[in-house]
């Protein structure tokens, strides 16, 4: 009986401590790590979230860009931080679903067990674009054209193992089309090569492709998402375009917020609630609409499910593509 009484007292003490932690948090500034360079979409999104989070938490949220190795260096810094809720950061499909399979044992963090999922914040798609001079107007025509000209058709990407590289790999696997992969050091030079007619096609972000589509320099054939993009409603999904199973194998792309593993549940819950509130604000949604990004939030448990499912499906694509970073 004394043992049970002692355990009950300890349990009550733990609950009281958790409640006090949630009430007192945060008592100092937060660090928000962005595992990519300043200026890109990941940085813009992170700074917008951090600014609003600082307002809601009434503490500074300091953004720190820790880039390198495809986001792996910054992600490792998040994973190594103290799990007290004062260091959080951005996670992406690349850092958490692709890099574990691309880097293998060389990756300095466990993408599934080394983090506390807090919430997704952004969903986005890649769009398949071709140079306007390429004589195709649909995915089916591109596939047919590639089969007729196996040494002539190629696709650009921002680098081996990137989402736009793997999007192209998936297209070739599901259709049997022969298209050579041309990797570039970043999305901008890759897209420029398609606009110039040096490369046939590319899977690209809407924010950089839509202006070129509107200018008549590129033609949009399909989006990679499981449903049509609100930003390109007349462009079919890959499945609608005849590439059955595309969305199931690898489609929706995202940014999210994570912390180190074993963060207190009360702190995680508080951060999740604030992020959901921030991302549902009309002003924030309008801001990201201008970047062709969709705001999307979920619970920590739901985000954990996304991490596990995406790691499995993107891992399969990485293995089949043969992409590795040595």
C-alpha atoms as a PDB file:
ATOM      1  CA  UNK A   1       0.000   0.000   0.000  1.00  0.00           C
ATOM      2  CA  UNK A   2       2.847   2.390   0.873  1.00  0.00           C
ATOM      3  CA  UNK A   3       4.429   1.621  -2.519  1.00  0.00           C
ATOM      4  CA  UNK A   4       1.197   2.428  -4.350  1.00  0.00           C
ATOM      5  CA  UNK A   5       0.807   5.625  -2.353  1.00  0.00           C
ATOM      6  CA  UNK A   6       4.363   6.652  -3.191  1.00  0.00           C
ATOM      7  CA  UNK A   7       3.787   5.965  -6.914  1.00  0.00           C
ATOM      8  CA  UNK A   8       0.585   7.991  -6.860  1.00  0.00           C
ATOM      9  CA  UNK A   9       2.422  10.914  -5.273  1.00  0.00           C
ATOM     10  CA  UNK A  10       5.181  10.683  -7.897  1.00  0.00           C
ATOM     11  CA  UNK A  11       2.617  10.579 -10.708  1.00  0.00           C
ATOM     12  CA  UNK A  12       0.834  13.636  -9.351  1.00  0.00           C
ATOM     13  CA  UNK A  13       4.183  15.382  -9.051  1.00  0.00           C
ATOM     14  CA  UNK A  14       5.033  14.582 -12.673  1.00  0.00           C
ATOM     15  CA  UNK A  15       1.671  15.909 -13.863  1.00  0.00           C
ATOM     16  CA  UNK A  16       2.133  19.065 -11.821  1.00  0.00           C
ATOM     17  CA  UNK A  17       5.637  19.546 -13.242  1.00  0.00           C
ATOM     18  CA  UNK A  18       4.344  19.078 -16.784  1.00  0.00           C
ATOM     19  CA  UNK A  19       1.589  21.600 -16.153  1.00  0.00           C
ATOM     20  CA  UNK A  20       4.056  24.092 -14.721  1.00  0.00           C
ATOM     21  CA  UNK A  21       6.374  23.579 -17.695  1.00  0.00           C
ATOM     22  CA  UNK A  22       3.582  24.273 -20.157  1.00  0.00           C
ATOM     23  CA  UNK A  23       2.536  27.350 -18.206  1.00  0.00           C
ATOM     24  CA  UNK A  24       6.068  28.760 -17.928  1.00  0.00           C
ATOM     25  CA  UNK A  25       7.161  27.911 -21.474  1.00  0.00           C
ATOM     26  CA  UNK A  26       8.773  29.728 -23.128  1.00  0.00           C
ATOM     27  CA  UNK A  27      10.904  31.638 -20.645  1.00  0.00           C
ATOM     28  CA  UNK A  28      13.647  32.583 -23.112  1.00  0.00           C
ATOM     29  CA  UNK A  29      14.223  33.022 -26.872  1.00  0.00           C
ATOM     30  CA  UNK A  30      13.859  30.092 -29.263  1.00  0.00           C
ATOM     31  CA  UNK A  31      16.272  29.000 -31.988  1.00  0.00           C
ATOM     32  CA  UNK A  32      14.738  28.041 -35.369  1.00  0.00           C
ATOM     33  CA  UNK A  33      17.183  26.124 -37.568  1.00  0.00           C
ATOM     34  CA  UNK A  34      16.704  26.206 -41.346  1.00  0.00           C
ATOM     35  CA  UNK A  35      18.818  23.458 -42.966  1.00  0.00           C
ATOM     36  CA  UNK A  36      19.094  25.379 -46.256  1.00  0.00           C
ATOM     37  CA  UNK A  37      20.674  28.658 -47.429  1.00  0.00           C
ATOM     38  CA  UNK A  38      18.986  32.028 -46.987  1.00  0.00           C
ATOM     39  CA  UNK A  39      16.732  33.340 -49.736  1.00  0.00           C
ATOM     40  CA  UNK A  40      15.021  30.209 -51.005  1.00  0.00           C
ATOM     41  CA  UNK A  41      11.449  29.007 -50.352  1.00  0.00           C
ATOM     42  CA  UNK A  42      12.455  27.047 -47.239  1.00  0.00           C
ATOM     43  CA  UNK A  43      14.046  30.159 -45.763  1.00  0.00           C
ATOM     44  CA  UNK A  44      11.117  32.444 -46.662  1.00  0.00           C
ATOM     45  CA  UNK A  45       8.611  30.024 -45.114  1.00  0.00           C
ATOM     46  CA  UNK A  46      10.715  29.532 -41.989  1.00  0.00           C
ATOM     47  CA  UNK A  47      11.161  33.242 -41.364  1.00  0.00           C
ATOM     48  CA  UNK A  48       7.439  33.891 -41.782  1.00  0.00           C
ATOM     49  CA  UNK A  49       6.558  31.108 -39.334  1.00  0.00           C
ATOM     50  CA  UNK A  50       9.245  32.186 -36.876  1.00  0.00           C
ATOM     51  CA  UNK A  51       8.095  35.821 -36.907  1.00  0.00           C
ATOM     52  CA  UNK A  52       4.496  34.872 -36.153  1.00  0.00           C
ATOM     53  CA  UNK A  53       5.573  32.308 -33.579  1.00  0.00           C
ATOM     54  CA  UNK A  54       7.588  35.003 -31.787  1.00  0.00           C
ATOM     55  CA  UNK A  55       4.482  37.187 -31.666  1.00  0.00           C
ATOM     56  CA  UNK A  56       2.319  34.396 -30.245  1.00  0.00           C
ATOM     57  CA  UNK A  57       4.899  33.130 -27.724  1.00  0.00           C
ATOM     58  CA  UNK A  58       6.046  36.636 -26.751  1.00  0.00           C
ATOM     59  CA  UNK A  59       9.663  35.578 -27.073  1.00  0.00           C
ATOM     60  CA  UNK A  60      12.160  36.120 -29.895  1.00  0.00           C
ATOM     61  CA  UNK A  61      12.473  33.229 -32.342  1.00  0.00           C
ATOM     62  CA  UNK A  62      15.903  33.504 -33.934  1.00  0.00           C
ATOM     63  CA  UNK A  63      16.272  31.964 -37.393  1.00  0.00           C
ATOM     64  CA  UNK A  64      19.609  30.335 -38.110  1.00  0.00           C
ATOM     65  CA  UNK A  65      20.531  28.972 -41.548  1.00  0.00           C
ATOM     66  CA  UNK A  66      22.695  25.871 -41.147  1.00  0.00           C
ATOM     67  CA  UNK A  67      22.999  24.616 -44.716  1.00  0.00           C
ATOM     68  CA  UNK A  68      24.967  21.905 -46.448  1.00  0.00           C
ATOM     69  CA  UNK A  69      24.753  18.273 -47.569  1.00  0.00           C
ATOM     70  CA  UNK A  70      21.195  18.583 -48.869  1.00  0.00           C
ATOM     71  CA  UNK A  71      19.871  19.827 -45.547  1.00  0.00           C
ATOM     72  CA  UNK A  72      21.574  17.111 -43.508  1.00  0.00           C
ATOM     73  CA  UNK A  73      23.895  19.364 -41.518  1.00  0.00           C
ATOM     74  CA  UNK A  74      21.116  21.597 -40.231  1.00  0.00           C
ATOM     75  CA  UNK A  75      18.830  18.656 -39.528  1.00  0.00           C
ATOM     76  CA  UNK A  76      21.576  17.027 -37.478  1.00  0.00           C
ATOM     77  CA  UNK A  77      21.900  20.254 -35.470  1.00  0.00           C
ATOM     78  CA  UNK A  78      18.183  20.085 -34.632  1.00  0.00           C
ATOM     79  CA  UNK A  79      18.475  16.436 -33.600  1.00  0.00           C
ATOM     80  CA  UNK A  80      21.491  17.121 -31.343  1.00  0.00           C
ATOM     81  CA  UNK A  81      19.890  20.037 -29.496  1.00  0.00           C
ATOM     82  CA  UNK A  82      18.516  19.784 -25.971  1.00  0.00           C
ATOM     83  CA  UNK A  83      14.908  18.520 -26.141  1.00  0.00           C
ATOM     84  CA  UNK A  84      13.519  21.406 -24.100  1.00  0.00           C
ATOM     85  CA  UNK A  85      11.535  23.152 -26.829  1.00  0.00           C
ATOM     86  CA  UNK A  86      14.018  25.972 -27.261  1.00  0.00           C
ATOM     87  CA  UNK A  87      15.509  24.596 -30.494  1.00  0.00           C
ATOM     88  CA  UNK A  88      13.168  23.663 -33.328  1.00  0.00           C
ATOM     89  CA  UNK A  89      13.522  23.822 -37.070  1.00  0.00           C
ATOM     90  CA  UNK A  90      12.347  23.054 -40.555  1.00  0.00           C
ATOM     91  CA  UNK A  91      11.994  19.552 -41.953  1.00  0.00           C
ATOM     92  CA  UNK A  92      11.233  18.754 -45.591  1.00  0.00           C
ATOM     93  CA  UNK A  93      10.484  15.764 -47.770  1.00  0.00           C
ATOM     94  CA  UNK A  94      14.161  15.907 -48.703  1.00  0.00           C
ATOM     95  CA  UNK A  95      15.664  15.971 -45.205  1.00  0.00           C
ATOM     96  CA  UNK A  96      13.364  13.361 -43.684  1.00  0.00           C
ATOM     97  CA  UNK A  97      12.048  11.081 -46.457  1.00  0.00           C
ATOM     98  CA  UNK A  98      14.810  11.121 -49.080  1.00  0.00           C
ATOM     99  CA  UNK A  99      18.153  11.826 -47.367  1.00  0.00           C
ATOM    100  CA  UNK A 100      18.040   8.739 -45.101  1.00  0.00           C
ATOM    101  CA  UNK A 101      18.081   6.559 -48.202  1.00  0.00           C
ATOM    102  CA  UNK A 102      20.374   8.796 -50.232  1.00  0.00           C
ATOM    103  CA  UNK A 103      23.112   9.094 -47.581  1.00  0.00           C
ATOM    104  CA  UNK A 104      22.580   5.760 -45.813  1.00  0.00           C
ATOM    105  CA  UNK A 105      24.848   5.174 -42.813  1.00  0.00           C
ATOM    106  CA  UNK A 106      26.608   8.485 -43.456  1.00  0.00           C
ATOM    107  CA  UNK A 107      23.522  10.474 -42.439  1.00  0.00           C
ATOM    108  CA  UNK A 108      24.248  12.029 -39.012  1.00  0.00           C
ATOM    109  CA  UNK A 109      20.696  11.629 -37.671  1.00  0.00           C
ATOM    110  CA  UNK A 110      17.793   9.190 -37.515  1.00  0.00           C
ATOM    111  CA  UNK A 111      15.014  10.851 -39.499  1.00  0.00           C
ATOM    112  CA  UNK A 112      12.221   8.969 -37.731  1.00  0.00           C
ATOM    113  CA  UNK A 113      13.484   8.467 -34.178  1.00  0.00           C
ATOM    114  CA  UNK A 114      15.745  11.477 -33.817  1.00  0.00           C
ATOM    115  CA  UNK A 115      13.016  14.138 -33.892  1.00  0.00           C
ATOM    116  CA  UNK A 116       9.751  15.232 -32.308  1.00  0.00           C
ATOM    117  CA  UNK A 117       7.232  15.979 -35.090  1.00  0.00           C
ATOM    118  CA  UNK A 118       5.307  19.191 -34.325  1.00  0.00           C
ATOM    119  CA  UNK A 119       3.288  19.994 -37.460  1.00  0.00           C
ATOM    120  CA  UNK A 120       3.456  20.222 -41.194  1.00  0.00           C
ATOM    121  CA  UNK A 121       3.166  23.814 -42.418  1.00  0.00           C
ATOM    122  CA  UNK A 122       3.304  23.719 -46.230  1.00  0.00           C
ATOM    123  CA  UNK A 123       2.280  21.342 -49.021  1.00  0.00           C
ATOM    124  CA  UNK A 124       3.525  21.870 -52.565  1.00  0.00           C
ATOM    125  CA  UNK A 125       3.765  20.091 -55.897  1.00  0.00           C
ATOM    126  CA  UNK A 126       6.138  19.688 -58.781  1.00  0.00           C
ATOM    127  CA  UNK A 127       4.850  20.398 -62.281  1.00  0.00           C
ATOM    128  CA  UNK A 128       6.150  18.643 -65.376  1.00  0.00           C
ATOM    129  CA  UNK A 129       7.114  21.298 -67.911  1.00  0.00           C
ATOM    130  CA  UNK A 130       8.562  21.045 -71.400  1.00  0.00           C
ATOM    131  CA  UNK A 131      10.158  23.630 -73.623  1.00  0.00           C
ATOM    132  CA  UNK A 132       7.479  25.228 -75.765  1.00  0.00           C
ATOM    133  CA  UNK A 133       9.258  24.080 -78.921  1.00  0.00           C
ATOM    134  CA  UNK A 134       9.048  20.397 -77.969  1.00  0.00           C
ATOM    135  CA  UNK A 135       6.288  18.868 -80.164  1.00  0.00           C
ATOM    136  CA  UNK A 136       4.209  17.391 -77.318  1.00  0.00           C
ATOM    137  CA  UNK A 137       1.104  18.640 -75.541  1.00  0.00           C
ATOM    138  CA  UNK A 138       0.437  15.852 -73.060  1.00  0.00           C
ATOM    139  CA  UNK A 139       2.282  13.354 -70.900  1.00  0.00           C
ATOM    140  CA  UNK A 140       1.210  10.564 -73.249  1.00  0.00           C
ATOM    141  CA  UNK A 141       2.726  12.433 -76.202  1.00  0.00           C
ATOM    142  CA  UNK A 142       5.939  13.044 -74.237  1.00  0.00           C
ATOM    143  CA  UNK A 143       6.207   9.348 -73.397  1.00  0.00           C
ATOM    144  CA  UNK A 144       5.594   8.416 -77.046  1.00  0.00           C
ATOM    145  CA  UNK A 145       8.118  11.025 -78.211  1.00  0.00           C
ATOM    146  CA  UNK A 146      10.717   9.683 -75.747  1.00  0.00           C
ATOM    147  CA  UNK A 147      10.215   6.120 -76.983  1.00  0.00           C
ATOM    148  CA  UNK A 148      10.604   7.247 -80.584  1.00  0.00           C
ATOM    149  CA  UNK A 149      13.705   9.338 -79.791  1.00  0.00           C
ATOM    150  CA  UNK A 150      15.478   7.450 -76.972  1.00  0.00           C
ATOM    151  CA  UNK A 151      18.756   9.320 -77.443  1.00  0.00           C
ATOM    152  CA  UNK A 152      17.186  12.756 -77.739  1.00  0.00           C
ATOM    153  CA  UNK A 153      14.879  13.201 -74.726  1.00  0.00           C
ATOM    154  CA  UNK A 154      16.235  14.177 -71.319  1.00  0.00           C
ATOM    155  CA  UNK A 155      15.069  15.780 -68.085  1.00  0.00           C
ATOM    156  CA  UNK A 156      16.785  18.274 -65.802  1.00  0.00           C
ATOM    157  CA  UNK A 157      16.888  18.315 -62.001  1.00  0.00           C
ATOM    158  CA  UNK A 158      18.394  20.352 -59.191  1.00  0.00           C
ATOM    159  CA  UNK A 159      20.658  17.418 -58.338  1.00  0.00           C
ATOM    160  CA  UNK A 160      20.817  13.678 -57.928  1.00  0.00           C
ATOM    161  CA  UNK A 161      18.341  12.486 -55.297  1.00  0.00           C
ATOM    162  CA  UNK A 162      16.272  15.680 -55.351  1.00  0.00           C
ATOM    163  CA  UNK A 163      12.481  15.449 -55.525  1.00  0.00           C
ATOM    164  CA  UNK A 164      12.480  16.612 -59.148  1.00  0.00           C
ATOM    165  CA  UNK A 165      15.058  13.972 -60.034  1.00  0.00           C
ATOM    166  CA  UNK A 166      13.001  11.234 -58.382  1.00  0.00           C
ATOM    167  CA  UNK A 167       9.798  12.565 -59.963  1.00  0.00           C
ATOM    168  CA  UNK A 168      11.442  12.008 -63.355  1.00  0.00           C
ATOM    169  CA  UNK A 169      12.688   8.565 -62.366  1.00  0.00           C
ATOM    170  CA  UNK A 170       9.168   7.567 -61.394  1.00  0.00           C
ATOM    171  CA  UNK A 171       7.811   8.695 -64.759  1.00  0.00           C
ATOM    172  CA  UNK A 172      10.338   6.565 -66.630  1.00  0.00           C
ATOM    173  CA  UNK A 173       9.691   3.543 -64.401  1.00  0.00           C
ATOM    174  CA  UNK A 174       5.915   3.638 -64.776  1.00  0.00           C
ATOM    175  CA  UNK A 175       5.870   4.305 -68.529  1.00  0.00           C
ATOM    176  CA  UNK A 176       9.027   2.690 -69.892  1.00  0.00           C
ATOM    177  CA  UNK A 177      10.018   5.987 -71.511  1.00  0.00           C
ATOM    178  CA  UNK A 178      13.766   6.385 -71.953  1.00  0.00           C
ATOM    179  CA  UNK A 179      14.866   9.808 -70.749  1.00  0.00           C
ATOM    180  CA  UNK A 180      18.373  10.727 -69.661  1.00  0.00           C
ATOM    181  CA  UNK A 181      18.786  12.536 -66.336  1.00  0.00           C
ATOM    182  CA  UNK A 182      20.771  15.791 -66.473  1.00  0.00           C
ATOM    183  CA  UNK A 183      21.557  16.989 -62.907  1.00  0.00           C
ATOM    184  CA  UNK A 184      22.378  20.654 -62.232  1.00  0.00           C
ATOM    185  CA  UNK A 185      23.636  22.443 -59.141  1.00  0.00           C
ATOM    186  CA  UNK A 186      20.274  23.899 -58.168  1.00  0.00           C
ATOM    187  CA  UNK A 187      16.799  24.394 -59.595  1.00  0.00           C
ATOM    188  CA  UNK A 188      17.440  27.768 -61.250  1.00  0.00           C
ATOM    189  CA  UNK A 189      20.107  26.612 -63.727  1.00  0.00           C
ATOM    190  CA  UNK A 190      18.125  23.420 -64.376  1.00  0.00           C
ATOM    191  CA  UNK A 191      14.998  25.359 -65.323  1.00  0.00           C
ATOM    192  CA  UNK A 192      17.038  27.807 -67.400  1.00  0.00           C
ATOM    193  CA  UNK A 193      18.310  24.875 -69.454  1.00  0.00           C
ATOM    194  CA  UNK A 194      14.729  23.811 -70.239  1.00  0.00           C
ATOM    195  CA  UNK A 195      13.681  27.368 -71.124  1.00  0.00           C
ATOM    196  CA  UNK A 196      16.704  27.623 -73.449  1.00  0.00           C
ATOM    197  CA  UNK A 197      15.802  24.337 -75.140  1.00  0.00           C
ATOM    198  CA  UNK A 198      18.999  22.597 -74.031  1.00  0.00           C
ATOM    199  CA  UNK A 199      17.018  20.000 -72.026  1.00  0.00           C
ATOM    200  CA  UNK A 200      13.613  18.573 -72.968  1.00  0.00           C
ATOM    201  CA  UNK A 201      11.704  18.765 -69.707  1.00  0.00           C
ATOM    202  CA  UNK A 202      11.786  19.076 -65.932  1.00  0.00           C
ATOM    203  CA  UNK A 203       9.679  18.581 -62.825  1.00  0.00           C
ATOM    204  CA  UNK A 204       9.825  21.969 -61.111  1.00  0.00           C
ATOM    205  CA  UNK A 205       8.345  24.108 -58.336  1.00  0.00           C
ATOM    206  CA  UNK A 206       5.361  26.230 -59.320  1.00  0.00           C
ATOM    207  CA  UNK A 207       6.898  29.437 -57.989  1.00  0.00           C
ATOM    208  CA  UNK A 208       9.639  29.328 -60.637  1.00  0.00           C
ATOM    209  CA  UNK A 209       7.754  27.597 -63.460  1.00  0.00           C
ATOM    210  CA  UNK A 210       4.409  29.416 -63.498  1.00  0.00           C
ATOM    211  CA  UNK A 211       5.894  32.750 -64.708  1.00  0.00           C
ATOM    212  CA  UNK A 212       7.600  30.883 -67.561  1.00  0.00           C
ATOM    213  CA  UNK A 213       4.369  29.033 -68.375  1.00  0.00           C
ATOM    214  CA  UNK A 214       2.438  32.302 -68.420  1.00  0.00           C
ATOM    215  CA  UNK A 215       5.099  33.854 -70.675  1.00  0.00           C
ATOM    216  CA  UNK A 216       4.653  31.017 -73.174  1.00  0.00           C
ATOM    217  CA  UNK A 217       8.213  29.731 -72.753  1.00  0.00           C
ATOM    218  CA  UNK A 218       7.212  26.464 -71.081  1.00  0.00           C
ATOM    219  CA  UNK A 219       4.219  24.151 -71.418  1.00  0.00           C
ATOM    220  CA  UNK A 220       2.752  22.460 -68.327  1.00  0.00           C
ATOM    221  CA  UNK A 221       1.810  18.815 -68.864  1.00  0.00           C
ATOM    222  CA  UNK A 222       0.866  17.544 -65.378  1.00  0.00           C
ATOM    223  CA  UNK A 223       1.332  18.039 -61.633  1.00  0.00           C
ATOM    224  CA  UNK A 224       2.742  15.360 -59.352  1.00  0.00           C
ATOM    225  CA  UNK A 225       0.185  15.676 -56.554  1.00  0.00           C
ATOM    226  CA  UNK A 226      -2.680  13.282 -55.848  1.00  0.00           C
ATOM    227  CA  UNK A 227      -5.171  16.024 -56.731  1.00  0.00           C
ATOM    228  CA  UNK A 228      -5.035  19.022 -59.052  1.00  0.00           C
ATOM    229  CA  UNK A 229      -3.289  22.133 -57.822  1.00  0.00           C
ATOM    230  CA  UNK A 230      -5.526  25.101 -57.071  1.00  0.00           C
ATOM    231  CA  UNK A 231      -2.833  27.219 -58.713  1.00  0.00           C
ATOM    232  CA  UNK A 232      -2.974  25.293 -62.022  1.00  0.00           C
ATOM    233  CA  UNK A 233      -6.537  23.952 -62.060  1.00  0.00           C
ATOM    234  CA  UNK A 234      -6.506  23.188 -65.780  1.00  0.00           C
ATOM    235  CA  UNK A 235      -3.388  21.015 -65.549  1.00  0.00           C
ATOM    236  CA  UNK A 236      -4.106  17.320 -64.866  1.00  0.00           C
ATOM    237  CA  UNK A 237      -2.424  15.162 -62.261  1.00  0.00           C
ATOM    238  CA  UNK A 238       0.009  12.541 -63.494  1.00  0.00           C
ATOM    239  CA  UNK A 239      -2.594   9.857 -62.801  1.00  0.00           C
ATOM    240  CA  UNK A 240      -5.218  11.777 -64.763  1.00  0.00           C
ATOM    241  CA  UNK A 241      -2.696  12.137 -67.571  1.00  0.00           C
ATOM    242  CA  UNK A 242      -2.498   8.370 -67.839  1.00  0.00           C
ATOM    243  CA  UNK A 243       0.421   7.499 -65.559  1.00  0.00           C
ATOM    244  CA  UNK A 244      -1.515   5.239 -63.209  1.00  0.00           C
ATOM    245  CA  UNK A 245      -0.060   4.781 -59.737  1.00  0.00           C
ATOM    246  CA  UNK A 246       2.081   7.911 -59.852  1.00  0.00           C
ATOM    247  CA  UNK A 247       0.502   9.622 -56.830  1.00  0.00           C
ATOM    248  CA  UNK A 248       0.615   6.447 -54.774  1.00  0.00           C
ATOM    249  CA  UNK A 249       4.329   5.968 -55.403  1.00  0.00           C
ATOM    250  CA  UNK A 250       5.521   9.495 -54.666  1.00  0.00           C
ATOM    251  CA  UNK A 251       3.598  12.716 -54.895  1.00  0.00           C
ATOM    252  CA  UNK A 252       2.778  15.192 -52.141  1.00  0.00           C
ATOM    253  CA  UNK A 253       5.713  17.306 -50.979  1.00  0.00           C
ATOM    254  CA  UNK A 254       5.896  19.298 -47.762  1.00  0.00           C
ATOM    255  CA  UNK A 255       7.699  21.475 -45.227  1.00  0.00           C
ATOM    256  CA  UNK A 256       7.142  20.920 -41.511  1.00  0.00           C
ATOM    257  CA  UNK A 257       8.407  21.926 -38.083  1.00  0.00           C
ATOM    258  CA  UNK A 258      10.224  19.468 -35.819  1.00  0.00           C
ATOM    259  CA  UNK A 259      12.239  19.484 -32.627  1.00  0.00           C
ATOM    260  CA  UNK A 260      14.734  17.047 -31.107  1.00  0.00           C
ATOM    261  CA  UNK A 261      13.436  13.677 -29.947  1.00  0.00           C
ATOM    262  CA  UNK A 262      11.848  13.409 -26.490  1.00  0.00           C
ATOM    263  CA  UNK A 263      10.523  16.953 -26.193  1.00  0.00           C
ATOM    264  CA  UNK A 264       7.988  17.322 -23.351  1.00  0.00           C
ATOM    265  CA  UNK A 265       4.489  16.527 -24.576  1.00  0.00           C
ATOM    266  CA  UNK A 266       3.117  19.747 -23.072  1.00  0.00           C
ATOM    267  CA  UNK A 267       5.649  21.854 -24.991  1.00  0.00           C
ATOM    268  CA  UNK A 268       5.012  19.969 -28.230  1.00  0.00           C
ATOM    269  CA  UNK A 269       1.276  20.468 -27.796  1.00  0.00           C
ATOM    270  CA  UNK A 270       1.746  24.208 -27.187  1.00  0.00           C
ATOM    271  CA  UNK A 271       3.949  24.659 -30.245  1.00  0.00           C
ATOM    272  CA  UNK A 272       1.551  22.645 -32.397  1.00  0.00           C
ATOM    273  CA  UNK A 273      -1.419  24.756 -31.290  1.00  0.00           C
ATOM    274  CA  UNK A 274       0.419  28.011 -32.052  1.00  0.00           C
ATOM    275  CA  UNK A 275       1.590  26.801 -35.475  1.00  0.00           C
ATOM    276  CA  UNK A 276      -1.887  25.609 -36.451  1.00  0.00           C
ATOM    277  CA  UNK A 277      -3.246  29.018 -35.431  1.00  0.00           C
ATOM    278  CA  UNK A 278      -0.534  30.858 -37.376  1.00  0.00           C
ATOM    279  CA  UNK A 279      -0.919  28.880 -40.585  1.00  0.00           C
ATOM    280  CA  UNK A 280      -4.726  29.139 -40.605  1.00  0.00           C
ATOM    281  CA  UNK A 281      -4.653  32.951 -40.537  1.00  0.00           C
ATOM    282  CA  UNK A 282      -5.962  34.425 -43.835  1.00  0.00           C
ATOM    283  CA  UNK A 283      -2.980  36.768 -44.109  1.00  0.00           C
ATOM    284  CA  UNK A 284      -0.546  33.869 -43.890  1.00  0.00           C
ATOM    285  CA  UNK A 285      -2.486  31.836 -46.432  1.00  0.00           C
ATOM    286  CA  UNK A 286      -2.538  34.801 -48.811  1.00  0.00           C
ATOM    287  CA  UNK A 287       1.194  35.262 -48.361  1.00  0.00           C
ATOM    288  CA  UNK A 288       1.950  31.700 -49.371  1.00  0.00           C
ATOM    289  CA  UNK A 289      -0.627  31.677 -52.157  1.00  0.00           C
ATOM    290  CA  UNK A 290       1.624  34.239 -53.836  1.00  0.00           C
ATOM    291  CA  UNK A 291       4.413  31.635 -53.724  1.00  0.00           C
ATOM    292  CA  UNK A 292       2.110  28.875 -55.038  1.00  0.00           C
ATOM    293  CA  UNK A 293       2.397  27.061 -51.703  1.00  0.00           C
ATOM    294  CA  UNK A 294      -0.544  25.568 -49.819  1.00  0.00           C
ATOM    295  CA  UNK A 295      -0.714  25.937 -46.031  1.00  0.00           C
ATOM    296  CA  UNK A 296      -1.233  22.579 -44.319  1.00  0.00           C
ATOM    297  CA  UNK A 297      -1.127  21.625 -40.642  1.00  0.00           C
ATOM    298  CA  UNK A 298      -1.755  18.479 -38.635  1.00  0.00           C
ATOM    299  CA  UNK A 299      -1.225  16.979 -35.191  1.00  0.00           C
ATOM    300  CA  UNK A 300       2.175  15.651 -34.056  1.00  0.00           C
ATOM    301  CA  UNK A 301       0.829  12.088 -34.330  1.00  0.00           C
ATOM    302  CA  UNK A 302      -0.463  12.699 -37.863  1.00  0.00           C
ATOM    303  CA  UNK A 303       2.823  14.286 -38.888  1.00  0.00           C
ATOM    304  CA  UNK A 304       4.679  11.237 -37.523  1.00  0.00           C
ATOM    305  CA  UNK A 305       2.525   9.026 -39.760  1.00  0.00           C
ATOM    306  CA  UNK A 306       3.393  11.187 -42.782  1.00  0.00           C
ATOM    307  CA  UNK A 307       7.113  10.898 -41.968  1.00  0.00           C
ATOM    308  CA  UNK A 308       6.956   7.109 -41.771  1.00  0.00           C
ATOM    309  CA  UNK A 309       4.846   6.666 -44.911  1.00  0.00           C
ATOM    310  CA  UNK A 310       6.894   9.083 -47.013  1.00  0.00           C
ATOM    311  CA  UNK A 311      10.190   7.564 -45.896  1.00  0.00           C
ATOM    312  CA  UNK A 312       8.989   4.217 -47.171  1.00  0.00           C
ATOM    313  CA  UNK A 313       7.714   5.388 -50.565  1.00  0.00           C
ATOM    314  CA  UNK A 314      10.545   7.817 -51.351  1.00  0.00           C
ATOM    315  CA  UNK A 315      13.076   5.277 -50.088  1.00  0.00           C
ATOM    316  CA  UNK A 316      11.816   2.832 -52.687  1.00  0.00           C
ATOM    317  CA  UNK A 317      12.324   5.442 -55.412  1.00  0.00           C
ATOM    318  CA  UNK A 318      15.851   6.250 -54.243  1.00  0.00           C
ATOM    319  CA  UNK A 319      16.811   2.585 -54.242  1.00  0.00           C
ATOM    320  CA  UNK A 320      15.368   2.007 -57.718  1.00  0.00           C
ATOM    321  CA  UNK A 321      17.016   5.142 -59.094  1.00  0.00           C
ATOM    322  CA  UNK A 322      20.428   4.050 -57.841  1.00  0.00           C
ATOM    323  CA  UNK A 323      21.108   7.555 -56.484  1.00  0.00           C
ATOM    324  CA  UNK A 324      23.655   7.678 -53.651  1.00  0.00           C
ATOM    325  CA  UNK A 325      25.828  10.269 -51.957  1.00  0.00           C
ATOM    326  CA  UNK A 326      29.234   8.792 -51.142  1.00  0.00           C
END
